Amino acid sequence: MFAIRQIVHTPYEIVFGRCVTRPLDLLYSGWSDDMYKEMEVSDWVETLKDRLTVIAYMSFVNESNVGKKSALLFNRNKSEKTLKVA
């Protein structure tokens, strides 16, 4: 246990040979692109909000389609059951 605390690199760096890409790193790299350098911060936030809204809608539609397909596959060999009251 003490040996693990002496390691300079994280387990991720040892396994994959590179640093972890964190969400804030991705956000910063997206902000530093030339396309966004000329935009105001408020415009960039609005663009990001619009993109996230589109992504949320697309994932909702995809989830709905996958749910319907799963229900069809699950119910394809099933038959309707009736219970008789004695």
PDB file of N, CA and C in Angstrom:
ATOM      1  N   MET A   1       0.821  -1.193   0.000  1.00  0.00           N
ATOM      2  CA  MET A   1       0.000   0.000   0.000  1.00  0.00           C
ATOM      3  C   MET A   1       0.867   1.260   0.000  1.00  0.00           C
ATOM      4  N   PHE A   2       1.951   1.229   0.771  1.00  0.00           N
ATOM      5  CA  PHE A   2       2.827   2.399   0.832  1.00  0.00           C
ATOM      6  C   PHE A   2       3.542   2.612  -0.493  1.00  0.00           C
ATOM      7  N   ALA A   3       3.817   1.527  -1.214  1.00  0.00           N
ATOM      8  CA  ALA A   3       4.505   1.640  -2.497  1.00  0.00           C
ATOM      9  C   ALA A   3       3.632   2.363  -3.520  1.00  0.00           C
ATOM     10  N   ILE A   4       2.324   2.141  -3.460  1.00  0.00           N
ATOM     11  CA  ILE A   4       1.404   2.797  -4.395  1.00  0.00           C
ATOM     12  C   ILE A   4       1.426   4.305  -4.179  1.00  0.00           C
ATOM     13  N   ARG A   5       1.566   4.739  -2.954  1.00  0.00           N
ATOM     14  CA  ARG A   5       1.574   6.177  -2.663  1.00  0.00           C
ATOM     15  C   ARG A   5       2.853   6.855  -3.137  1.00  0.00           C
ATOM     16  N   GLN A   6       3.884   6.099  -3.398  1.00  0.00           N
ATOM     17  CA  GLN A   6       5.155   6.651  -3.846  1.00  0.00           C
ATOM     18  C   GLN A   6       5.216   6.841  -5.358  1.00  0.00           C
ATOM     19  N   ILE A   7       4.240   6.298  -6.102  1.00  0.00           N
ATOM     20  CA  ILE A   7       4.247   6.341  -7.566  1.00  0.00           C
ATOM     21  C   ILE A   7       3.966   7.765  -8.042  1.00  0.00           C
ATOM     22  N   VAL A   8       4.731   8.208  -9.001  1.00  0.00           N
ATOM     23  CA  VAL A   8       4.567   9.556  -9.537  1.00  0.00           C
ATOM     24  C   VAL A   8       3.432   9.588 -10.558  1.00  0.00           C
ATOM     25  N   HIS A   9       3.239   8.512 -11.309  1.00  0.00           N
ATOM     26  CA  HIS A   9       2.220   8.456 -12.354  1.00  0.00           C
ATOM     27  C   HIS A   9       0.953   7.803 -11.829  1.00  0.00           C
ATOM     28  N   THR A  10      -0.168   8.175 -12.421  1.00  0.00           N
ATOM     29  CA  THR A  10      -1.433   7.553 -12.061  1.00  0.00           C
ATOM     30  C   THR A  10      -1.527   6.190 -12.731  1.00  0.00           C
ATOM     31  N   PRO A  11      -2.404   5.303 -12.238  1.00  0.00           N
ATOM     32  CA  PRO A  11      -2.584   3.998 -12.889  1.00  0.00           C
ATOM     33  C   PRO A  11      -3.006   4.144 -14.347  1.00  0.00           C
ATOM     34  N   TYR A  12      -3.803   5.156 -14.664  1.00  0.00           N
ATOM     35  CA  TYR A  12      -4.222   5.384 -16.051  1.00  0.00           C
ATOM     36  C   TYR A  12      -3.014   5.671 -16.938  1.00  0.00           C
ATOM     37  N   GLU A  13      -2.107   6.510 -16.449  1.00  0.00           N
ATOM     38  CA  GLU A  13      -0.913   6.834 -17.231  1.00  0.00           C
ATOM     39  C   GLU A  13      -0.023   5.614 -17.421  1.00  0.00           C
ATOM     40  N   ILE A  14       0.053   4.759 -16.423  1.00  0.00           N
ATOM     41  CA  ILE A  14       0.877   3.558 -16.529  1.00  0.00           C
ATOM     42  C   ILE A  14       0.288   2.598 -17.554  1.00  0.00           C
ATOM     43  N   VAL A  15      -1.039   2.427 -17.549  1.00  0.00           N
ATOM     44  CA  VAL A  15      -1.680   1.485 -18.466  1.00  0.00           C
ATOM     45  C   VAL A  15      -1.707   2.010 -19.890  1.00  0.00           C
ATOM     46  N   PHE A  16      -2.137   3.261 -20.075  1.00  0.00           N
ATOM     47  CA  PHE A  16      -2.348   3.799 -21.418  1.00  0.00           C
ATOM     48  C   PHE A  16      -1.197   4.659 -21.942  1.00  0.00           C
ATOM     49  N   GLY A  17      -0.249   5.026 -21.083  1.00  0.00           N
ATOM     50  CA  GLY A  17       0.911   5.779 -21.523  1.00  0.00           C
ATOM     51  C   GLY A  17       0.655   7.244 -21.841  1.00  0.00           C
ATOM     52  N   ARG A  18      -0.433   7.796 -21.355  1.00  0.00           N
ATOM     53  CA  ARG A  18      -0.730   9.209 -21.583  1.00  0.00           C
ATOM     54  C   ARG A  18      -1.581   9.726 -20.431  1.00  0.00           C
ATOM     55  N   CYS A  19      -1.707  11.032 -20.340  1.00  0.00           N
ATOM     56  CA  CYS A  19      -2.513  11.634 -19.273  1.00  0.00           C
ATOM     57  C   CYS A  19      -4.000  11.472 -19.563  1.00  0.00           C
ATOM     58  N   VAL A  20      -4.788  11.546 -18.523  1.00  0.00           N
ATOM     59  CA  VAL A  20      -6.239  11.449 -18.659  1.00  0.00           C
ATOM     60  C   VAL A  20      -6.768  12.722 -19.313  1.00  0.00           C
ATOM     61  N   THR A  21      -7.688  12.577 -20.262  1.00  0.00           N
ATOM     62  CA  THR A  21      -8.351  13.726 -20.860  1.00  0.00           C
ATOM     63  C   THR A  21      -9.627  13.994 -20.070  1.00  0.00           C
ATOM     64  N   ARG A  22      -9.637  15.074 -19.332  1.00  0.00           N
ATOM     65  CA  ARG A  22     -10.770  15.412 -18.484  1.00  0.00           C
ATOM     66  C   ARG A  22     -11.744  16.303 -19.244  1.00  0.00           C
ATOM     67  N   PRO A  23     -13.001  16.374 -18.783  1.00  0.00           N
ATOM     68  CA  PRO A  23     -13.988  17.211 -19.464  1.00  0.00           C
ATOM     69  C   PRO A  23     -13.565  18.673 -19.589  1.00  0.00           C
ATOM     70  N   LEU A  24     -12.933  19.222 -18.565  1.00  0.00           N
ATOM     71  CA  LEU A  24     -12.506  20.617 -18.651  1.00  0.00           C
ATOM     72  C   LEU A  24     -11.374  20.788 -19.661  1.00  0.00           C
ATOM     73  N   ASP A  25     -10.534  19.758 -19.814  1.00  0.00           N
ATOM     74  CA  ASP A  25      -9.491  19.826 -20.842  1.00  0.00           C
ATOM     75  C   ASP A  25     -10.120  19.880 -22.227  1.00  0.00           C
ATOM     76  N   LEU A  26     -11.158  19.073 -22.438  1.00  0.00           N
ATOM     77  CA  LEU A  26     -11.857  19.097 -23.726  1.00  0.00           C
ATOM     78  C   LEU A  26     -12.525  20.441 -23.968  1.00  0.00           C
ATOM     79  N   LEU A  27     -13.125  20.993 -22.928  1.00  0.00           N
ATOM     80  CA  LEU A  27     -13.774  22.293 -23.045  1.00  0.00           C
ATOM     81  C   LEU A  27     -12.751  23.371 -23.392  1.00  0.00           C
ATOM     82  N   TYR A  28     -11.598  23.347 -22.737  1.00  0.00           N
ATOM     83  CA  TYR A  28     -10.572  24.340 -23.013  1.00  0.00           C
ATOM     84  C   TYR A  28     -10.025  24.189 -24.422  1.00  0.00           C
ATOM     85  N   SER A  29      -9.819  22.932 -24.855  1.00  0.00           N
ATOM     86  CA  SER A  29      -9.292  22.747 -26.211  1.00  0.00           C
ATOM     87  C   SER A  29     -10.316  23.213 -27.246  1.00  0.00           C
ATOM     88  N   GLY A  30     -11.592  23.023 -26.967  1.00  0.00           N
ATOM     89  CA  GLY A  30     -12.622  23.521 -27.873  1.00  0.00           C
ATOM     90  C   GLY A  30     -12.688  25.033 -27.885  1.00  0.00           C
ATOM     91  N   TRP A  31     -12.421  25.648 -26.740  1.00  0.00           N
ATOM     92  CA  TRP A  31     -12.460  27.093 -26.658  1.00  0.00           C
ATOM     93  C   TRP A  31     -11.270  27.710 -27.370  1.00  0.00           C
ATOM     94  N   SER A  32     -10.141  27.007 -27.386  1.00  0.00           N
ATOM     95  CA  SER A  32      -8.943  27.580 -27.972  1.00  0.00           C
ATOM     96  C   SER A  32      -8.866  27.386 -29.485  1.00  0.00           C
ATOM     97  N   ASP A  33      -9.858  26.748 -30.089  1.00  0.00           N
ATOM     98  CA  ASP A  33      -9.868  26.607 -31.541  1.00  0.00           C
ATOM     99  C   ASP A  33      -9.992  27.976 -32.195  1.00  0.00           C
ATOM    100  N   ASP A  34      -9.451  28.098 -33.401  1.00  0.00           N
ATOM    101  CA  ASP A  34      -9.490  29.375 -34.120  1.00  0.00           C
ATOM    102  C   ASP A  34     -10.921  29.814 -34.442  1.00  0.00           C
ATOM    103  N   MET A  35     -11.813  28.833 -34.622  1.00  0.00           N
ATOM    104  CA  MET A  35     -13.193  29.164 -34.981  1.00  0.00           C
ATOM    105  C   MET A  35     -13.878  29.988 -33.888  1.00  0.00           C
ATOM    106  N   TYR A  36     -13.528  29.726 -32.620  1.00  0.00           N
ATOM    107  CA  TYR A  36     -14.205  30.384 -31.520  1.00  0.00           C
ATOM    108  C   TYR A  36     -13.451  31.593 -30.982  1.00  0.00           C
ATOM    109  N   LYS A  37     -12.267  31.872 -31.480  1.00  0.00           N
ATOM    110  CA  LYS A  37     -11.488  32.979 -30.936  1.00  0.00           C
ATOM    111  C   LYS A  37     -12.139  34.326 -31.211  1.00  0.00           C
ATOM    112  N   GLU A  38     -12.853  34.434 -32.312  1.00  0.00           N
ATOM    113  CA  GLU A  38     -13.464  35.710 -32.659  1.00  0.00           C
ATOM    114  C   GLU A  38     -14.841  35.894 -32.019  1.00  0.00           C
ATOM    115  N   MET A  39     -15.383  34.838 -31.389  1.00  0.00           N
ATOM    116  CA  MET A  39     -16.709  34.920 -30.786  1.00  0.00           C
ATOM    117  C   MET A  39     -16.631  35.513 -29.384  1.00  0.00           C
ATOM    118  N   GLU A  40     -17.687  36.192 -29.027  1.00  0.00           N
ATOM    119  CA  GLU A  40     -17.828  36.649 -27.647  1.00  0.00           C
ATOM    120  C   GLU A  40     -18.198  35.445 -26.786  1.00  0.00           C
ATOM    121  N   VAL A  41     -17.960  35.559 -25.512  1.00  0.00           N
ATOM    122  CA  VAL A  41     -18.250  34.452 -24.602  1.00  0.00           C
ATOM    123  C   VAL A  41     -19.741  34.136 -24.596  1.00  0.00           C
ATOM    124  N   SER A  42     -20.584  35.144 -24.600  1.00  0.00           N
ATOM    125  CA  SER A  42     -22.030  34.924 -24.570  1.00  0.00           C
ATOM    126  C   SER A  42     -22.503  34.210 -25.843  1.00  0.00           C
ATOM    127  N   ASP A  43     -21.916  34.561 -26.989  1.00  0.00           N
ATOM    128  CA  ASP A  43     -22.267  33.879 -28.235  1.00  0.00           C
ATOM    129  C   ASP A  43     -21.815  32.426 -28.201  1.00  0.00           C
ATOM    130  N   TRP A  44     -20.628  32.186 -27.646  1.00  0.00           N
ATOM    131  CA  TRP A  44     -20.124  30.825 -27.554  1.00  0.00           C
ATOM    132  C   TRP A  44     -21.009  29.978 -26.648  1.00  0.00           C
ATOM    133  N   VAL A  45     -21.459  30.563 -25.533  1.00  0.00           N
ATOM    134  CA  VAL A  45     -22.332  29.845 -24.602  1.00  0.00           C
ATOM    135  C   VAL A  45     -23.663  29.521 -25.280  1.00  0.00           C
ATOM    136  N   GLU A  46     -24.212  30.471 -26.035  1.00  0.00           N
ATOM    137  CA  GLU A  46     -25.461  30.216 -26.759  1.00  0.00           C
ATOM    138  C   GLU A  46     -25.287  29.106 -27.792  1.00  0.00           C
ATOM    139  N   THR A  47     -24.157  29.114 -28.505  1.00  0.00           N
ATOM    140  CA  THR A  47     -23.879  28.059 -29.480  1.00  0.00           C
ATOM    141  C   THR A  47     -23.773  26.714 -28.795  1.00  0.00           C
ATOM    142  N   LEU A  48     -23.075  26.669 -27.665  1.00  0.00           N
ATOM    143  CA  LEU A  48     -22.939  25.431 -26.905  1.00  0.00           C
ATOM    144  C   LEU A  48     -24.288  24.949 -26.409  1.00  0.00           C
ATOM    145  N   LYS A  49     -25.121  25.868 -25.933  1.00  0.00           N
ATOM    146  CA  LYS A  49     -26.456  25.516 -25.445  1.00  0.00           C
ATOM    147  C   LYS A  49     -27.302  24.934 -26.568  1.00  0.00           C
ATOM    148  N   ASP A  50     -27.242  25.528 -27.740  1.00  0.00           N
ATOM    149  CA  ASP A  50     -27.995  25.015 -28.880  1.00  0.00           C
ATOM    150  C   ASP A  50     -27.514  23.626 -29.286  1.00  0.00           C
ATOM    151  N   ARG A  51     -26.196  23.440 -29.308  1.00  0.00           N
ATOM    152  CA  ARG A  51     -25.653  22.134 -29.670  1.00  0.00           C
ATOM    153  C   ARG A  51     -26.063  21.070 -28.658  1.00  0.00           C
ATOM    154  N   LEU A  52     -26.039  21.408 -27.369  1.00  0.00           N
ATOM    155  CA  LEU A  52     -26.435  20.448 -26.340  1.00  0.00           C
ATOM    156  C   LEU A  52     -27.927  20.125 -26.408  1.00  0.00           C
ATOM    157  N   THR A  53     -28.744  21.107 -26.785  1.00  0.00           N
ATOM    158  CA  THR A  53     -30.180  20.864 -26.954  1.00  0.00           C
ATOM    159  C   THR A  53     -30.419  19.877 -28.090  1.00  0.00           C
ATOM    160  N   VAL A  54     -29.716  20.056 -29.196  1.00  0.00           N
ATOM    161  CA  VAL A  54     -29.847  19.135 -30.337  1.00  0.00           C
ATOM    162  C   VAL A  54     -29.394  17.735 -29.940  1.00  0.00           C
ATOM    163  N   ILE A  55     -28.290  17.637 -29.216  1.00  0.00           N
ATOM    164  CA  ILE A  55     -27.783  16.337 -28.786  1.00  0.00           C
ATOM    165  C   ILE A  55     -28.766  15.657 -27.848  1.00  0.00           C
ATOM    166  N   ALA A  56     -29.357  16.406 -26.930  1.00  0.00           N
ATOM    167  CA  ALA A  56     -30.330  15.839 -25.997  1.00  0.00           C
ATOM    168  C   ALA A  56     -31.550  15.320 -26.751  1.00  0.00           C
ATOM    169  N   TYR A  57     -32.028  16.071 -27.745  1.00  0.00           N
ATOM    170  CA  TYR A  57     -33.181  15.631 -28.525  1.00  0.00           C
ATOM    171  C   TYR A  57     -32.845  14.368 -29.315  1.00  0.00           C
ATOM    172  N   MET A  58     -31.660  14.349 -29.933  1.00  0.00           N
ATOM    173  CA  MET A  58     -31.263  13.176 -30.708  1.00  0.00           C
ATOM    174  C   MET A  58     -31.142  11.932 -29.826  1.00  0.00           C
ATOM    175  N   SER A  59     -30.613  12.087 -28.613  1.00  0.00           N
ATOM    176  CA  SER A  59     -30.496  10.937 -27.717  1.00  0.00           C
ATOM    177  C   SER A  59     -31.867  10.473 -27.242  1.00  0.00           C
ATOM    178  N   PHE A  60     -32.811  11.412 -27.037  1.00  0.00           N
ATOM    179  CA  PHE A  60     -34.167  11.035 -26.652  1.00  0.00           C
ATOM    180  C   PHE A  60     -34.842  10.231 -27.761  1.00  0.00           C
ATOM    181  N   VAL A  61     -34.706  10.665 -29.008  1.00  0.00           N
ATOM    182  CA  VAL A  61     -35.297   9.960 -30.141  1.00  0.00           C
ATOM    183  C   VAL A  61     -34.652   8.584 -30.297  1.00  0.00           C
ATOM    184  N   ASN A  62     -33.339   8.524 -30.164  1.00  0.00           N
ATOM    185  CA  ASN A  62     -32.636   7.257 -30.282  1.00  0.00           C
ATOM    186  C   ASN A  62     -33.063   6.296 -29.184  1.00  0.00           C
ATOM    187  N   GLU A  63     -33.200   6.787 -27.960  1.00  0.00           N
ATOM    188  CA  GLU A  63     -33.631   5.943 -26.849  1.00  0.00           C
ATOM    189  C   GLU A  63     -35.031   5.413 -27.093  1.00  0.00           C
ATOM    190  N   SER A  64     -35.916   6.233 -27.628  1.00  0.00           N
ATOM    191  CA  SER A  64     -37.284   5.814 -27.928  1.00  0.00           C
ATOM    192  C   SER A  64     -37.285   4.712 -28.991  1.00  0.00           C
ATOM    193  N   ASN A  65     -36.485   4.894 -30.045  1.00  0.00           N
ATOM    194  CA  ASN A  65     -36.421   3.888 -31.106  1.00  0.00           C
ATOM    195  C   ASN A  65     -35.842   2.574 -30.603  1.00  0.00           C
ATOM    196  N   VAL A  66     -34.813   2.646 -29.786  1.00  0.00           N
ATOM    197  CA  VAL A  66     -34.200   1.434 -29.247  1.00  0.00           C
ATOM    198  C   VAL A  66     -35.179   0.726 -28.317  1.00  0.00           C
ATOM    199  N   GLY A  67     -35.933   1.485 -27.530  1.00  0.00           N
ATOM    200  CA  GLY A  67     -36.926   0.879 -26.636  1.00  0.00           C
ATOM    201  C   GLY A  67     -38.010   0.151 -27.402  1.00  0.00           C
ATOM    202  N   LYS A  68     -38.485   0.753 -28.490  1.00  0.00           N
ATOM    203  CA  LYS A  68     -39.508   0.090 -29.307  1.00  0.00           C
ATOM    204  C   LYS A  68     -38.965  -1.176 -29.946  1.00  0.00           C
ATOM    205  N   LYS A  69     -37.734  -1.123 -30.447  1.00  0.00           N
ATOM    206  CA  LYS A  69     -37.127  -2.292 -31.083  1.00  0.00           C
ATOM    207  C   LYS A  69     -36.918  -3.408 -30.050  1.00  0.00           C
ATOM    208  N   SER A  70     -36.477  -3.046 -28.854  1.00  0.00           N
ATOM    209  CA  SER A  70     -36.276  -4.040 -27.800  1.00  0.00           C
ATOM    210  C   SER A  70     -37.592  -4.693 -27.401  1.00  0.00           C
ATOM    211  N   ALA A  71     -38.653  -3.897 -27.313  1.00  0.00           N
ATOM    212  CA  ALA A  71     -39.962  -4.445 -26.965  1.00  0.00           C
ATOM    213  C   ALA A  71     -40.448  -5.407 -28.042  1.00  0.00           C
ATOM    214  N   LEU A  72     -40.246  -5.058 -29.312  1.00  0.00           N
ATOM    215  CA  LEU A  72     -40.649  -5.955 -30.401  1.00  0.00           C
ATOM    216  C   LEU A  72     -39.869  -7.261 -30.363  1.00  0.00           C
ATOM    217  N   LEU A  73     -38.570  -7.174 -30.142  1.00  0.00           N
ATOM    218  CA  LEU A  73     -37.764  -8.384 -30.081  1.00  0.00           C
ATOM    219  C   LEU A  73     -38.131  -9.249 -28.877  1.00  0.00           C
ATOM    220  N   PHE A  74     -38.423  -8.625 -27.742  1.00  0.00           N
ATOM    221  CA  PHE A  74     -38.794  -9.379 -26.549  1.00  0.00           C
ATOM    222  C   PHE A  74     -40.149 -10.044 -26.703  1.00  0.00           C
ATOM    223  N   ASN A  75     -41.098  -9.347 -27.317  1.00  0.00           N
ATOM    224  CA  ASN A  75     -42.465  -9.858 -27.419  1.00  0.00           C
ATOM    225  C   ASN A  75     -42.711 -10.722 -28.654  1.00  0.00           C
ATOM    226  N   ARG A  76     -41.735 -10.933 -29.484  1.00  0.00           N
ATOM    227  CA  ARG A  76     -41.971 -11.615 -30.755  1.00  0.00           C
ATOM    228  C   ARG A  76     -42.394 -13.064 -30.570  1.00  0.00           C
ATOM    229  N   ASN A  77     -41.894 -13.778 -29.589  1.00  0.00           N
ATOM    230  CA  ASN A  77     -42.264 -15.186 -29.380  1.00  0.00           C
ATOM    231  C   ASN A  77     -43.205 -15.368 -28.198  1.00  0.00           C
ATOM    232  N   LYS A  78     -43.770 -14.326 -27.723  1.00  0.00           N
ATOM    233  CA  LYS A  78     -44.671 -14.404 -26.572  1.00  0.00           C
ATOM    234  C   LYS A  78     -46.112 -14.521 -27.044  1.00  0.00           C
ATOM    235  N   SER A  79     -46.927 -15.192 -26.248  1.00  0.00           N
ATOM    236  CA  SER A  79     -48.348 -15.292 -26.561  1.00  0.00           C
ATOM    237  C   SER A  79     -49.142 -14.686 -25.401  1.00  0.00           C
ATOM    238  N   GLU A  80     -50.339 -14.253 -25.716  1.00  0.00           N
ATOM    239  CA  GLU A  80     -51.163 -13.615 -24.704  1.00  0.00           C
ATOM    240  C   GLU A  80     -51.707 -14.677 -23.752  1.00  0.00           C
ATOM    241  N   LYS A  81     -51.639 -14.415 -22.492  1.00  0.00           N
ATOM    242  CA  LYS A  81     -52.104 -15.348 -21.483  1.00  0.00           C
ATOM    243  C   LYS A  81     -53.420 -14.844 -20.897  1.00  0.00           C
ATOM    244  N   THR A  82     -54.289 -15.788 -20.589  1.00  0.00           N
ATOM    245  CA  THR A  82     -55.550 -15.443 -19.928  1.00  0.00           C
ATOM    246  C   THR A  82     -55.659 -16.265 -18.666  1.00  0.00           C
ATOM    247  N   LEU A  83     -56.191 -15.650 -17.655  1.00  0.00           N
ATOM    248  CA  LEU A  83     -56.397 -16.327 -16.375  1.00  0.00           C
ATOM    249  C   LEU A  83     -57.898 -16.602 -16.191  1.00  0.00           C
ATOM    250  N   LYS A  84     -58.201 -17.831 -15.856  1.00  0.00           N
ATOM    251  CA  LYS A  84     -59.602 -18.190 -15.625  1.00  0.00           C
ATOM    252  C   LYS A  84     -59.866 -18.127 -14.125  1.00  0.00           C
ATOM    253  N   VAL A  85     -60.938 -17.413 -13.780  1.00  0.00           N
ATOM    254  CA  VAL A  85     -61.323 -17.292 -12.365  1.00  0.00           C
ATOM    255  C   VAL A  85     -62.174 -18.481 -12.015  1.00  0.00           C
ATOM    256  N   ALA A  86     -61.830 -19.178 -10.942  1.00  0.00           N
ATOM    257  CA  ALA A  86     -62.559 -20.395 -10.543  1.00  0.00           C
ATOM    258  C   ALA A  86     -63.779 -20.079  -9.738  1.00  0.00           C
TER     259      ALA A  86
END
